[in-house]
Amino acid sequence: MALLDVNNLDTTIHGPIRLGALSILQMDGPLDFTTIKKRLGVTDGSLGSHLRKLEDAGYIGAKKKFIGRRPNTSYRMTAKGRKAFLHYLNAMRSLVETVEGKNARGGASKNKS
């Protein structure tokens, strides 16, 4: 039985909201909080805490400004974040290839419950 290595998955990125936010920033470049929130369909509080985690890890940067009297925060992926994101995608790709390869060689293809 082969070892299935999942230790390369960055747990800072692996959560659905953080993965979604990084994916959006990778595809679209810098975006404001409201745009990210609408694209992910999450609440302010939930998104705020996940973006803070990414910011604390150095994966994204935030720029705060005012538009009129309203605060506006935009986020961008940092070089460190881009590198970590691409490493994460490669680790996931490897995991998927391992699982698909096992299925192609006659491994279990359906979950037996």
N, C-alpha and C. Protein backbone atom coordinates (compact mmCIF):
# COMPACT_ATOMS: atom_id res chain seq x y z
N MET A 1 0.84 -1.17 0.00
CA MET A 1 0.00 0.00 0.00
C MET A 1 0.90 1.24 0.00
N ALA A 2 0.69 2.12 -0.95
CA ALA A 2 1.50 3.32 -1.09
C ALA A 2 1.08 4.38 -0.07
N LEU A 3 2.06 5.16 0.35
CA LEU A 3 1.81 6.26 1.27
C LEU A 3 1.15 7.40 0.51
N LEU A 4 0.08 7.93 1.06
CA LEU A 4 -0.62 9.07 0.46
C LEU A 4 -0.19 10.31 1.22
N ASP A 5 0.63 11.13 0.58
CA ASP A 5 1.21 12.31 1.24
C ASP A 5 0.29 13.52 1.08
N VAL A 6 -0.31 13.90 2.19
CA VAL A 6 -1.15 15.10 2.20
C VAL A 6 -0.49 16.21 3.02
N ASN A 7 0.73 15.99 3.45
CA ASN A 7 1.43 16.97 4.27
C ASN A 7 1.87 18.20 3.50
N ASN A 8 1.84 18.14 2.17
CA ASN A 8 2.22 19.29 1.36
C ASN A 8 1.07 20.28 1.17
N LEU A 9 -0.09 19.96 1.70
CA LEU A 9 -1.23 20.87 1.56
C LEU A 9 -1.14 21.95 2.64
N ASP A 10 -0.99 23.17 2.21
CA ASP A 10 -0.88 24.32 3.10
C ASP A 10 -2.22 24.56 3.78
N THR A 11 -2.29 24.33 5.08
CA THR A 11 -3.56 24.47 5.79
C THR A 11 -4.04 25.92 5.87
N THR A 12 -3.14 26.86 5.67
CA THR A 12 -3.57 28.27 5.63
C THR A 12 -4.42 28.52 4.39
N ILE A 13 -4.12 27.83 3.30
CA ILE A 13 -4.85 28.00 2.05
C ILE A 13 -6.04 27.06 1.95
N HIS A 14 -5.95 25.89 2.56
CA HIS A 14 -6.86 24.77 2.29
C HIS A 14 -8.33 25.04 2.61
N GLY A 15 -8.67 25.94 3.49
CA GLY A 15 -10.07 26.23 3.79
C GLY A 15 -10.78 26.79 2.57
N PRO A 16 -12.05 26.45 2.37
CA PRO A 16 -12.77 26.88 1.17
C PRO A 16 -12.79 28.39 0.93
N ILE A 17 -12.98 29.18 1.97
CA ILE A 17 -13.06 30.64 1.78
C ILE A 17 -11.68 31.19 1.43
N ARG A 18 -10.65 30.73 2.12
CA ARG A 18 -9.29 31.22 1.83
C ARG A 18 -8.85 30.77 0.44
N LEU A 19 -9.15 29.52 0.09
CA LEU A 19 -8.82 29.03 -1.25
C LEU A 19 -9.56 29.83 -2.31
N GLY A 20 -10.83 30.11 -2.05
CA GLY A 20 -11.62 30.90 -2.99
C GLY A 20 -11.08 32.31 -3.15
N ALA A 21 -10.73 32.94 -2.04
CA ALA A 21 -10.20 34.31 -2.10
C ALA A 21 -8.89 34.36 -2.88
N LEU A 22 -7.99 33.42 -2.61
CA LEU A 22 -6.72 33.40 -3.34
C LEU A 22 -6.94 33.10 -4.82
N SER A 23 -7.87 32.22 -5.11
CA SER A 23 -8.17 31.89 -6.52
C SER A 23 -8.67 33.13 -7.26
N ILE A 24 -9.56 33.87 -6.63
CA ILE A 24 -10.10 35.08 -7.26
C ILE A 24 -9.00 36.12 -7.46
N LEU A 25 -8.17 36.31 -6.44
CA LEU A 25 -7.09 37.30 -6.56
C LEU A 25 -6.06 36.87 -7.60
N GLN A 26 -5.81 35.57 -7.71
CA GLN A 26 -4.88 35.07 -8.73
C GLN A 26 -5.43 35.33 -10.13
N MET A 27 -6.72 35.09 -10.31
CA MET A 27 -7.34 35.24 -11.63
C MET A 27 -7.57 36.70 -12.01
N ASP A 28 -8.04 37.50 -11.05
CA ASP A 28 -8.51 38.84 -11.37
C ASP A 28 -7.61 39.98 -10.91
N GLY A 29 -6.61 39.67 -10.10
CA GLY A 29 -5.76 40.73 -9.57
C GLY A 29 -6.42 41.39 -8.38
N PRO A 30 -5.92 42.57 -7.98
CA PRO A 30 -6.43 43.24 -6.78
C PRO A 30 -7.94 43.51 -6.86
N LEU A 31 -8.62 43.25 -5.75
CA LEU A 31 -10.07 43.47 -5.67
C LEU A 31 -10.42 44.02 -4.30
N ASP A 32 -11.55 44.72 -4.22
CA ASP A 32 -11.98 45.23 -2.93
C ASP A 32 -12.77 44.17 -2.16
N PHE A 33 -12.91 44.42 -0.88
CA PHE A 33 -13.56 43.49 0.05
C PHE A 33 -14.95 43.10 -0.44
N THR A 34 -15.74 44.09 -0.84
CA THR A 34 -17.12 43.84 -1.25
C THR A 34 -17.19 42.93 -2.47
N THR A 35 -16.30 43.14 -3.42
CA THR A 35 -16.28 42.30 -4.62
C THR A 35 -15.95 40.85 -4.26
N ILE A 36 -14.94 40.66 -3.42
CA ILE A 36 -14.57 39.31 -3.00
C ILE A 36 -15.73 38.66 -2.25
N LYS A 37 -16.35 39.41 -1.36
CA LYS A 37 -17.49 38.91 -0.58
C LYS A 37 -18.62 38.45 -1.49
N LYS A 38 -18.97 39.26 -2.47
CA LYS A 38 -20.05 38.91 -3.40
C LYS A 38 -19.69 37.70 -4.25
N ARG A 39 -18.46 37.64 -4.71
CA ARG A 39 -18.02 36.51 -5.55
C ARG A 39 -18.05 35.19 -4.78
N LEU A 40 -17.74 35.24 -3.48
CA LEU A 40 -17.71 34.02 -2.68
C LEU A 40 -19.05 33.72 -2.00
N GLY A 41 -19.91 34.73 -1.91
CA GLY A 41 -21.22 34.54 -1.27
C GLY A 41 -21.10 34.25 0.22
N VAL A 42 -20.25 35.02 0.90
CA VAL A 42 -20.03 34.83 2.34
C VAL A 42 -20.35 36.12 3.09
N THR A 43 -20.38 36.01 4.40
CA THR A 43 -20.68 37.18 5.23
C THR A 43 -19.43 38.03 5.45
N ASP A 44 -19.64 39.26 5.87
CA ASP A 44 -18.53 40.17 6.17
C ASP A 44 -17.59 39.58 7.21
N GLY A 45 -18.18 39.11 8.32
CA GLY A 45 -17.37 38.59 9.43
C GLY A 45 -16.55 37.38 9.04
N SER A 46 -17.16 36.48 8.31
CA SER A 46 -16.46 35.27 7.89
C SER A 46 -15.31 35.61 6.95
N LEU A 47 -15.60 36.42 5.94
CA LEU A 47 -14.55 36.79 5.00
C LEU A 47 -13.45 37.57 5.69
N GLY A 48 -13.82 38.50 6.55
CA GLY A 48 -12.83 39.31 7.25
C GLY A 48 -11.83 38.47 8.03
N SER A 49 -12.34 37.46 8.74
CA SER A 49 -11.42 36.63 9.53
C SER A 49 -10.52 35.79 8.65
N HIS A 50 -11.02 35.31 7.53
CA HIS A 50 -10.19 34.51 6.62
C HIS A 50 -9.16 35.37 5.89
N LEU A 51 -9.55 36.57 5.50
CA LEU A 51 -8.58 37.46 4.86
C LEU A 51 -7.48 37.86 5.84
N ARG A 52 -7.85 38.04 7.10
CA ARG A 52 -6.86 38.38 8.12
C ARG A 52 -5.83 37.25 8.26
N LYS A 53 -6.28 36.01 8.22
CA LYS A 53 -5.38 34.86 8.30
C LYS A 53 -4.40 34.86 7.13
N LEU A 54 -4.92 35.13 5.95
CA LEU A 54 -4.05 35.19 4.76
C LEU A 54 -3.08 36.36 4.84
N GLU A 55 -3.56 37.47 5.37
CA GLU A 55 -2.71 38.64 5.54
C GLU A 55 -1.62 38.38 6.58
N ASP A 56 -1.98 37.75 7.69
CA ASP A 56 -1.01 37.42 8.74
C ASP A 56 0.07 36.47 8.23
N ALA A 57 -0.30 35.59 7.30
CA ALA A 57 0.66 34.66 6.71
C ALA A 57 1.54 35.33 5.65
N GLY A 58 1.18 36.56 5.28
CA GLY A 58 1.95 37.27 4.25
C GLY A 58 1.54 36.89 2.84
N TYR A 59 0.38 36.22 2.69
CA TYR A 59 -0.06 35.77 1.37
C TYR A 59 -0.82 36.85 0.60
N ILE A 60 -1.40 37.79 1.31
CA ILE A 60 -2.09 38.91 0.67
C ILE A 60 -1.70 40.20 1.38
N GLY A 61 -1.88 41.29 0.67
CA GLY A 61 -1.68 42.61 1.25
C GLY A 61 -2.97 43.39 1.16
N ALA A 62 -3.18 44.29 2.09
CA ALA A 62 -4.39 45.10 2.12
C ALA A 62 -4.02 46.57 2.00
N LYS A 63 -4.82 47.30 1.26
CA LYS A 63 -4.64 48.74 1.12
C LYS A 63 -5.96 49.40 1.48
N LYS A 64 -5.92 50.22 2.53
CA LYS A 64 -7.14 50.87 3.01
C LYS A 64 -7.16 52.32 2.56
N LYS A 65 -8.34 52.74 2.12
CA LYS A 65 -8.53 54.14 1.70
C LYS A 65 -9.99 54.50 1.92
N PHE A 66 -10.29 55.74 1.70
CA PHE A 66 -11.67 56.20 1.79
C PHE A 66 -12.12 56.65 0.41
N ILE A 67 -13.34 56.29 0.07
CA ILE A 67 -13.99 56.79 -1.13
C ILE A 67 -15.12 57.66 -0.61
N GLY A 68 -14.89 58.97 -0.69
CA GLY A 68 -15.80 59.89 0.00
C GLY A 68 -15.62 59.68 1.49
N ARG A 69 -16.68 59.33 2.17
CA ARG A 69 -16.60 59.06 3.61
C ARG A 69 -16.63 57.57 3.92
N ARG A 70 -16.66 56.75 2.89
CA ARG A 70 -16.78 55.31 3.09
C ARG A 70 -15.42 54.63 3.01
N PRO A 71 -15.10 53.77 3.97
CA PRO A 71 -13.84 53.03 3.91
C PRO A 71 -13.88 51.99 2.79
N ASN A 72 -12.74 51.79 2.16
CA ASN A 72 -12.62 50.80 1.09
C ASN A 72 -11.29 50.10 1.25
N THR A 73 -11.33 48.79 1.38
CA THR A 73 -10.10 48.01 1.50
C THR A 73 -9.97 47.12 0.28
N SER A 74 -8.83 47.22 -0.37
CA SER A 74 -8.57 46.34 -1.51
C SER A 74 -7.45 45.38 -1.12
N TYR A 75 -7.50 44.20 -1.73
CA TYR A 75 -6.55 43.14 -1.43
C TYR A 75 -5.84 42.72 -2.70
N ARG A 76 -4.59 42.35 -2.52
CA ARG A 76 -3.80 41.83 -3.65
C ARG A 76 -2.97 40.67 -3.13
N MET A 77 -2.65 39.75 -4.02
CA MET A 77 -1.81 38.62 -3.64
C MET A 77 -0.36 39.08 -3.67
N THR A 78 0.40 38.68 -2.66
CA THR A 78 1.83 39.01 -2.60
C THR A 78 2.62 37.94 -3.37
N ALA A 79 3.90 38.21 -3.59
CA ALA A 79 4.77 37.22 -4.24
C ALA A 79 4.82 35.94 -3.40
N LYS A 80 4.90 36.08 -2.09
CA LYS A 80 4.90 34.92 -1.19
C LYS A 80 3.59 34.15 -1.33
N GLY A 81 2.48 34.86 -1.41
CA GLY A 81 1.18 34.23 -1.56
C GLY A 81 1.04 33.51 -2.89
N ARG A 82 1.53 34.12 -3.95
CA ARG A 82 1.46 33.51 -5.27
C ARG A 82 2.27 32.21 -5.28
N LYS A 83 3.46 32.25 -4.68
CA LYS A 83 4.32 31.07 -4.62
C LYS A 83 3.64 29.96 -3.81
N ALA A 84 3.08 30.31 -2.65
CA ALA A 84 2.40 29.33 -1.80
C ALA A 84 1.16 28.76 -2.50
N PHE A 85 0.43 29.61 -3.21
CA PHE A 85 -0.77 29.17 -3.92
C PHE A 85 -0.42 28.18 -5.02
N LEU A 86 0.61 28.49 -5.79
CA LEU A 86 1.03 27.59 -6.87
C LEU A 86 1.56 26.27 -6.31
N HIS A 87 2.28 26.33 -5.19
CA HIS A 87 2.74 25.11 -4.53
C HIS A 87 1.54 24.28 -4.06
N TYR A 88 0.54 24.93 -3.51
CA TYR A 88 -0.67 24.24 -3.07
C TYR A 88 -1.37 23.57 -4.25
N LEU A 89 -1.50 24.28 -5.35
CA LEU A 89 -2.16 23.70 -6.53
C LEU A 89 -1.39 22.49 -7.03
N ASN A 90 -0.07 22.57 -7.03
CA ASN A 90 0.74 21.42 -7.47
C ASN A 90 0.56 20.24 -6.53
N ALA A 91 0.49 20.49 -5.23
CA ALA A 91 0.27 19.42 -4.25
C ALA A 91 -1.09 18.77 -4.47
N MET A 92 -2.12 19.58 -4.72
CA MET A 92 -3.46 19.05 -4.99
C MET A 92 -3.47 18.25 -6.29
N ARG A 93 -2.79 18.77 -7.30
CA ARG A 93 -2.70 18.09 -8.60
C ARG A 93 -2.06 16.71 -8.40
N SER A 94 -1.00 16.66 -7.63
CA SER A 94 -0.32 15.39 -7.36
C SER A 94 -1.24 14.42 -6.62
N LEU A 95 -1.98 14.94 -5.64
CA LEU A 95 -2.92 14.11 -4.90
C LEU A 95 -4.00 13.55 -5.82
N VAL A 96 -4.56 14.39 -6.66
CA VAL A 96 -5.60 13.96 -7.60
C VAL A 96 -5.04 12.91 -8.55
N GLU A 97 -3.84 13.13 -9.08
CA GLU A 97 -3.23 12.16 -9.99
C GLU A 97 -2.99 10.83 -9.31
N THR A 98 -2.59 10.86 -8.04
CA THR A 98 -2.37 9.62 -7.28
C THR A 98 -3.68 8.86 -7.12
N VAL A 99 -4.73 9.57 -6.73
CA VAL A 99 -6.03 8.94 -6.53
C VAL A 99 -6.59 8.42 -7.86
N GLU A 100 -6.52 9.23 -8.90
CA GLU A 100 -7.02 8.80 -10.21
C GLU A 100 -6.21 7.63 -10.75
N GLY A 101 -4.91 7.64 -10.53
CA GLY A 101 -4.07 6.54 -10.97
C GLY A 101 -4.43 5.25 -10.27
N LYS A 102 -4.72 5.33 -8.99
CA LYS A 102 -5.13 4.15 -8.21
C LYS A 102 -6.45 3.61 -8.74
N ASN A 103 -7.39 4.49 -9.04
CA ASN A 103 -8.67 4.06 -9.59
C ASN A 103 -8.51 3.42 -10.95
N ALA A 104 -7.61 3.96 -11.78
CA ALA A 104 -7.38 3.41 -13.11
C ALA A 104 -6.74 2.02 -13.03
N ARG A 105 -6.00 1.76 -11.96
CA ARG A 105 -5.33 0.46 -11.79
C ARG A 105 -6.23 -0.55 -11.07
N GLY A 106 -7.49 -0.22 -10.92
CA GLY A 106 -8.41 -1.18 -10.32
C GLY A 106 -8.70 -0.97 -8.86
N GLY A 107 -8.36 0.21 -8.34
CA GLY A 107 -8.68 0.51 -6.94
C GLY A 107 -10.16 0.77 -6.80
N ALA A 108 -10.57 1.02 -5.58
CA ALA A 108 -12.00 1.30 -5.33
C ALA A 108 -12.41 2.55 -6.06
N SER A 109 -13.50 2.48 -6.76
CA SER A 109 -13.98 3.64 -7.51
C SER A 109 -15.24 4.24 -6.91
N LYS A 110 -15.89 3.50 -6.03
CA LYS A 110 -17.10 4.03 -5.41
C LYS A 110 -16.99 3.87 -3.90
N ASN A 111 -17.57 4.81 -3.21
CA ASN A 111 -17.60 4.76 -1.76
C ASN A 111 -18.67 3.76 -1.34
N LYS A 112 -18.26 2.74 -0.63
CA LYS A 112 -19.22 1.73 -0.17
C LYS A 112 -19.68 2.09 1.22
N SER A 113 -20.93 2.45 1.37
CA SER A 113 -21.47 2.83 2.68
C SER A 113 -22.44 1.81 3.16
